[in-house]
Structures are given as C-alpha cells and as structure tokens.
C-alpha cells in the first residue's frame, strides 16, 4: 500500500510540475524584425498583408492571410520596433464578401 501511495505521489508531483509548461510557452510572444516575420510567413504559408491599422499608442496591427484563407496571422508592431505574433489560425473568411452575397 505504501508503494502505491508513493508512486501516486510521484506521478501527482510530476503532473503539477509539468502543468505550467504549456502556459509558459503560450505566454512567451514570438517577436522579431517585421520584414523577417513577413517574409517567413510568406515563404511558409503564402500569407500576405490584407488589413492594417494604427493603435492609439502608435503600434500597428496587421492581418495576413493566405490566398484562399487557409491560414491567417495577426501581428502587432510596437512603436519601438519589434513585431510580435498575436494570433494565428485557419479558415479565414472575409465578412464583407459574405455580407454582399454572390456577385451578379
């Protein structure tokens, strides 16, 4: 019985120790030189900028997507220079096209 408790205790401690690792990985932003980030996304996913905006603090938000929307990325460029990945995903849809309906 002691051996089972000991094994369970070690396994439980290992789970508690490893649990924060994904949270740490998600909290670490991926940042770099804007042109290098854009070039990398273009080469790897064929993503190109499709929308851009300036934030109140002077930062720049950009949306990049692949030609058919198979993948997309949102970037934030700080006024001080680095560009960071904010979000990425699949199946991008342009709402304006959806709201207009089929072209006549």
N, C-alpha and C. Protein backbone atom coordinates (compact mmCIF):
# COMPACT_ATOMS: atom_id res chain seq x y z
N UNK A 1 0.82 -1.18 0.00
CA UNK A 1 0.00 0.00 0.00
C UNK A 1 0.87 1.26 0.00
N UNK A 2 1.98 1.23 0.76
CA UNK A 2 2.88 2.38 0.80
C UNK A 2 3.48 2.63 -0.58
N UNK A 3 3.81 1.55 -1.29
CA UNK A 3 4.42 1.69 -2.61
C UNK A 3 3.44 2.35 -3.58
N UNK A 4 2.17 1.99 -3.53
CA UNK A 4 1.16 2.59 -4.41
C UNK A 4 1.02 4.07 -4.11
N UNK A 5 0.96 4.43 -2.82
CA UNK A 5 0.87 5.84 -2.43
C UNK A 5 2.09 6.62 -2.90
N UNK A 6 3.26 6.02 -2.75
CA UNK A 6 4.50 6.68 -3.15
C UNK A 6 4.51 6.91 -4.66
N UNK A 7 4.13 5.89 -5.43
CA UNK A 7 4.09 6.01 -6.89
C UNK A 7 3.07 7.06 -7.30
N UNK A 8 1.90 7.03 -6.68
CA UNK A 8 0.87 8.02 -6.98
C UNK A 8 1.36 9.43 -6.62
N UNK A 9 2.03 9.55 -5.50
CA UNK A 9 2.55 10.84 -5.07
C UNK A 9 3.58 11.40 -6.04
N UNK A 10 4.46 10.55 -6.54
CA UNK A 10 5.48 10.98 -7.50
C UNK A 10 4.81 11.39 -8.81
N UNK A 11 3.85 10.59 -9.27
CA UNK A 11 3.14 10.92 -10.52
C UNK A 11 2.39 12.23 -10.37
N UNK A 12 1.73 12.42 -9.24
CA UNK A 12 0.98 13.65 -8.99
C UNK A 12 1.92 14.86 -8.96
N UNK A 13 3.06 14.72 -8.32
CA UNK A 13 4.04 15.81 -8.26
C UNK A 13 4.57 16.13 -9.66
N UNK A 14 4.79 15.10 -10.47
CA UNK A 14 5.28 15.32 -11.84
C UNK A 14 4.25 16.09 -12.65
N UNK A 15 2.98 15.74 -12.52
CA UNK A 15 1.92 16.44 -13.24
C UNK A 15 1.87 17.90 -12.80
N UNK A 16 1.93 18.15 -11.52
CA UNK A 16 1.91 19.53 -11.02
C UNK A 16 3.11 20.32 -11.50
N UNK A 17 4.26 19.66 -11.60
CA UNK A 17 5.48 20.33 -12.06
C UNK A 17 5.38 20.66 -13.55
N UNK A 18 4.85 19.73 -14.36
CA UNK A 18 4.80 19.91 -15.81
C UNK A 18 3.60 20.75 -16.27
N UNK A 19 2.58 20.85 -15.48
CA UNK A 19 1.36 21.58 -15.86
C UNK A 19 1.62 23.01 -16.29
N UNK A 20 2.45 23.79 -15.63
CA UNK A 20 2.64 25.17 -16.05
C UNK A 20 3.41 25.34 -17.36
N UNK A 21 4.11 24.32 -17.86
CA UNK A 21 4.94 24.48 -19.04
C UNK A 21 4.17 24.98 -20.27
N UNK A 22 2.99 24.42 -20.62
CA UNK A 22 2.27 24.97 -21.76
C UNK A 22 1.84 26.41 -21.54
N UNK A 23 1.53 26.77 -20.31
CA UNK A 23 1.13 28.14 -20.02
C UNK A 23 2.29 29.10 -20.23
N UNK A 24 3.49 28.67 -19.86
CA UNK A 24 4.67 29.50 -20.07
C UNK A 24 4.93 29.65 -21.55
N UNK A 25 4.81 28.56 -22.31
CA UNK A 25 5.06 28.62 -23.76
C UNK A 25 4.07 29.55 -24.44
N UNK A 26 2.80 29.52 -24.03
CA UNK A 26 1.80 30.38 -24.64
C UNK A 26 2.01 31.84 -24.25
N UNK A 27 2.58 32.09 -23.10
CA UNK A 27 2.77 33.46 -22.64
C UNK A 27 3.98 34.13 -23.29
N UNK A 28 4.88 33.35 -23.86
CA UNK A 28 6.08 33.91 -24.47
C UNK A 28 5.78 34.33 -25.90
N UNK A 29 5.77 35.63 -26.17
CA UNK A 29 5.44 36.07 -27.52
C UNK A 29 6.56 35.74 -28.51
N UNK A 30 6.17 35.53 -29.75
CA UNK A 30 7.13 35.33 -30.82
C UNK A 30 7.30 36.67 -31.50
N UNK A 31 8.47 37.26 -31.39
CA UNK A 31 8.72 38.60 -31.91
C UNK A 31 9.99 38.62 -32.74
N UNK A 32 10.07 39.61 -33.61
CA UNK A 32 11.27 39.77 -34.41
C UNK A 32 11.17 40.98 -35.32
N UNK A 33 12.12 41.09 -36.22
CA UNK A 33 12.13 42.16 -37.20
C UNK A 33 10.92 41.99 -38.12
N UNK A 34 10.17 43.07 -38.36
CA UNK A 34 8.93 42.99 -39.13
C UNK A 34 9.14 42.34 -40.49
N UNK A 35 10.10 42.80 -41.24
CA UNK A 35 10.29 42.27 -42.59
C UNK A 35 10.64 40.79 -42.57
N UNK A 36 11.42 40.37 -41.58
CA UNK A 36 11.77 38.95 -41.48
C UNK A 36 10.53 38.12 -41.13
N UNK A 37 9.68 38.63 -40.24
CA UNK A 37 8.45 37.92 -39.88
C UNK A 37 7.53 37.81 -41.11
N UNK A 38 7.35 38.92 -41.83
CA UNK A 38 6.50 38.92 -43.03
C UNK A 38 7.06 37.95 -44.07
N UNK A 39 8.37 38.00 -44.31
CA UNK A 39 9.00 37.12 -45.29
C UNK A 39 8.83 35.65 -44.91
N UNK A 40 8.96 35.35 -43.62
CA UNK A 40 8.82 33.97 -43.15
C UNK A 40 7.39 33.47 -43.35
N UNK A 41 6.40 34.30 -43.00
CA UNK A 41 5.00 33.89 -43.18
C UNK A 41 4.65 33.75 -44.66
N UNK A 42 5.24 34.58 -45.49
CA UNK A 42 5.01 34.49 -46.93
C UNK A 42 5.61 33.20 -47.49
N UNK A 43 6.83 32.90 -47.09
CA UNK A 43 7.51 31.70 -47.60
C UNK A 43 6.85 30.41 -47.09
N UNK A 44 6.49 30.39 -45.81
CA UNK A 44 5.98 29.16 -45.21
C UNK A 44 4.49 28.92 -45.48
N UNK A 45 3.68 30.00 -45.48
CA UNK A 45 2.22 29.84 -45.60
C UNK A 45 1.61 30.61 -46.76
N UNK A 46 2.41 31.29 -47.55
CA UNK A 46 1.93 32.15 -48.65
C UNK A 46 1.02 33.26 -48.13
N UNK A 47 1.25 33.70 -46.90
CA UNK A 47 0.43 34.76 -46.31
C UNK A 47 0.96 36.13 -46.72
N UNK A 48 0.03 37.03 -46.99
CA UNK A 48 0.35 38.40 -47.35
C UNK A 48 -0.55 39.34 -46.55
N UNK A 49 -0.11 40.56 -46.27
CA UNK A 49 -0.95 41.52 -45.54
C UNK A 49 -2.23 41.85 -46.32
N UNK A 50 -3.36 41.84 -45.60
CA UNK A 50 -4.65 42.19 -46.21
C UNK A 50 -5.37 43.31 -45.47
N UNK A 51 -4.92 43.63 -44.26
CA UNK A 51 -5.52 44.72 -43.49
C UNK A 51 -4.48 45.27 -42.53
N UNK A 52 -4.61 46.55 -42.22
CA UNK A 52 -3.64 47.20 -41.33
C UNK A 52 -4.34 48.33 -40.59
N UNK A 53 -3.90 48.61 -39.37
CA UNK A 53 -4.45 49.70 -38.58
C UNK A 53 -3.44 50.19 -37.56
N UNK A 54 -3.58 51.45 -37.17
CA UNK A 54 -2.70 52.06 -36.19
C UNK A 54 -3.45 52.16 -34.86
N UNK A 55 -2.81 51.73 -33.78
CA UNK A 55 -3.43 51.78 -32.46
C UNK A 55 -3.20 53.15 -31.82
N UNK A 56 -3.89 53.41 -30.73
CA UNK A 56 -3.78 54.71 -30.06
C UNK A 56 -2.38 55.00 -29.52
N UNK A 57 -1.61 53.94 -29.26
CA UNK A 57 -0.24 54.15 -28.75
C UNK A 57 0.80 54.18 -29.87
N UNK A 58 0.35 54.17 -31.12
CA UNK A 58 1.27 54.23 -32.25
C UNK A 58 1.73 52.89 -32.77
N UNK A 59 1.24 51.83 -32.20
CA UNK A 59 1.57 50.49 -32.70
C UNK A 59 0.78 50.20 -33.97
N UNK A 60 1.16 49.17 -34.67
CA UNK A 60 0.49 48.80 -35.92
C UNK A 60 0.00 47.36 -35.81
N UNK A 61 -1.29 47.16 -36.12
CA UNK A 61 -1.90 45.83 -36.17
C UNK A 61 -2.02 45.45 -37.65
N UNK A 62 -1.61 44.22 -37.98
CA UNK A 62 -1.73 43.75 -39.36
C UNK A 62 -2.37 42.37 -39.39
N UNK A 63 -3.21 42.15 -40.38
CA UNK A 63 -3.78 40.83 -40.63
C UNK A 63 -3.15 40.33 -41.92
N UNK A 64 -2.62 39.13 -41.88
CA UNK A 64 -2.08 38.47 -43.06
C UNK A 64 -2.90 37.22 -43.29
N UNK A 65 -3.11 36.87 -44.57
CA UNK A 65 -3.81 35.62 -44.85
C UNK A 65 -3.27 35.01 -46.12
N UNK A 66 -3.46 33.71 -46.23
CA UNK A 66 -3.07 33.00 -47.45
C UNK A 66 -4.13 33.31 -48.52
N UNK A 67 -3.83 33.04 -49.80
CA UNK A 67 -4.73 33.44 -50.88
C UNK A 67 -6.19 33.00 -50.71
N UNK A 68 -6.42 31.79 -50.29
CA UNK A 68 -7.80 31.30 -50.13
C UNK A 68 -8.24 31.28 -48.66
N UNK A 69 -7.46 31.87 -47.78
CA UNK A 69 -7.81 31.93 -46.37
C UNK A 69 -7.54 30.65 -45.60
N UNK A 70 -6.73 29.76 -46.14
CA UNK A 70 -6.42 28.52 -45.44
C UNK A 70 -5.72 28.79 -44.11
N UNK A 71 -4.92 29.86 -44.07
CA UNK A 71 -4.25 30.24 -42.83
C UNK A 71 -4.25 31.76 -42.71
N UNK A 72 -4.12 32.25 -41.48
CA UNK A 72 -4.08 33.69 -41.22
C UNK A 72 -3.24 33.95 -39.98
N UNK A 73 -2.74 35.19 -39.89
CA UNK A 73 -1.92 35.61 -38.76
C UNK A 73 -2.22 37.07 -38.45
N UNK A 74 -2.27 37.40 -37.17
CA UNK A 74 -2.40 38.79 -36.75
C UNK A 74 -1.09 39.17 -36.06
N UNK A 75 -0.51 40.28 -36.51
CA UNK A 75 0.76 40.78 -35.98
C UNK A 75 0.55 42.12 -35.31
N UNK A 76 1.36 42.41 -34.31
CA UNK A 76 1.40 43.73 -33.69
C UNK A 76 2.84 44.21 -33.73
N UNK A 77 3.04 45.42 -34.29
CA UNK A 77 4.37 46.02 -34.31
C UNK A 77 4.38 47.17 -33.31
N UNK A 78 5.25 47.06 -32.32
CA UNK A 78 5.37 48.09 -31.30
C UNK A 78 6.01 49.35 -31.89
N UNK A 79 5.67 50.52 -31.35
CA UNK A 79 6.30 51.75 -31.83
C UNK A 79 7.82 51.70 -31.72
N UNK A 80 8.33 50.95 -30.76
CA UNK A 80 9.78 50.83 -30.57
C UNK A 80 10.43 49.87 -31.56
N UNK A 81 9.62 49.13 -32.34
CA UNK A 81 10.22 48.32 -33.39
C UNK A 81 9.85 46.87 -33.52
N UNK A 82 9.86 46.04 -32.46
CA UNK A 82 9.65 44.61 -32.70
C UNK A 82 8.22 44.31 -33.16
N UNK A 83 8.11 43.31 -34.01
CA UNK A 83 6.82 42.80 -34.48
C UNK A 83 6.56 41.48 -33.78
N UNK A 84 5.36 41.32 -33.22
CA UNK A 84 5.03 40.11 -32.46
C UNK A 84 3.78 39.44 -33.01
N UNK A 85 3.79 38.12 -33.00
CA UNK A 85 2.64 37.33 -33.39
C UNK A 85 1.60 37.42 -32.29
N UNK A 86 0.38 37.83 -32.64
CA UNK A 86 -0.70 37.93 -31.66
C UNK A 86 -1.59 36.70 -31.71
N UNK A 87 -1.92 36.27 -32.94
CA UNK A 87 -2.80 35.11 -33.11
C UNK A 87 -2.59 34.55 -34.51
N UNK A 88 -2.94 33.27 -34.67
CA UNK A 88 -2.90 32.65 -35.99
C UNK A 88 -3.93 31.54 -36.01
N UNK A 89 -4.34 31.17 -37.21
CA UNK A 89 -5.34 30.12 -37.30
C UNK A 89 -5.61 29.71 -38.73
N UNK A 90 -6.76 29.09 -38.92
CA UNK A 90 -7.16 28.56 -40.21
C UNK A 90 -8.54 29.07 -40.58
N UNK A 91 -8.91 28.88 -41.84
CA UNK A 91 -10.26 29.14 -42.36
C UNK A 91 -10.69 30.59 -42.19
N UNK A 92 -9.85 31.53 -42.63
CA UNK A 92 -10.21 32.95 -42.59
C UNK A 92 -11.32 33.21 -43.58
N UNK A 93 -12.30 34.04 -43.18
CA UNK A 93 -13.40 34.43 -44.07
C UNK A 93 -13.55 35.94 -44.03
N UNK A 94 -13.63 36.56 -45.19
CA UNK A 94 -13.85 38.00 -45.28
C UNK A 94 -15.35 38.26 -45.14
N UNK A 95 -15.75 38.93 -44.08
CA UNK A 95 -17.17 39.17 -43.83
C UNK A 95 -17.79 40.07 -44.88
N UNK A 96 -17.05 41.05 -45.38
CA UNK A 96 -17.61 41.94 -46.39
C UNK A 96 -18.10 41.15 -47.59
N UNK A 97 -17.32 40.20 -48.07
CA UNK A 97 -17.72 39.36 -49.19
C UNK A 97 -18.94 38.52 -48.83
N UNK A 98 -18.96 37.99 -47.61
CA UNK A 98 -20.09 37.17 -47.17
C UNK A 98 -21.36 37.99 -47.08
N UNK A 99 -21.26 39.24 -46.57
CA UNK A 99 -22.44 40.09 -46.39
C UNK A 99 -23.00 40.58 -47.74
N UNK A 100 -22.13 40.80 -48.71
CA UNK A 100 -22.57 41.26 -50.02
C UNK A 100 -23.31 40.18 -50.79
N UNK A 101 -22.93 38.94 -50.54
CA UNK A 101 -23.54 37.83 -51.28
C UNK A 101 -22.82 37.59 -52.59
N UNK A 102 -23.37 36.69 -53.41
CA UNK A 102 -22.71 36.36 -54.67
C UNK A 102 -22.70 37.56 -55.62
N UNK A 103 -21.63 37.66 -56.38
CA UNK A 103 -21.51 38.76 -57.36
C UNK A 103 -22.49 38.53 -58.50
N UNK A 104 -23.10 39.61 -58.95
CA UNK A 104 -24.09 39.50 -60.03
C UNK A 104 -23.45 39.59 -61.39
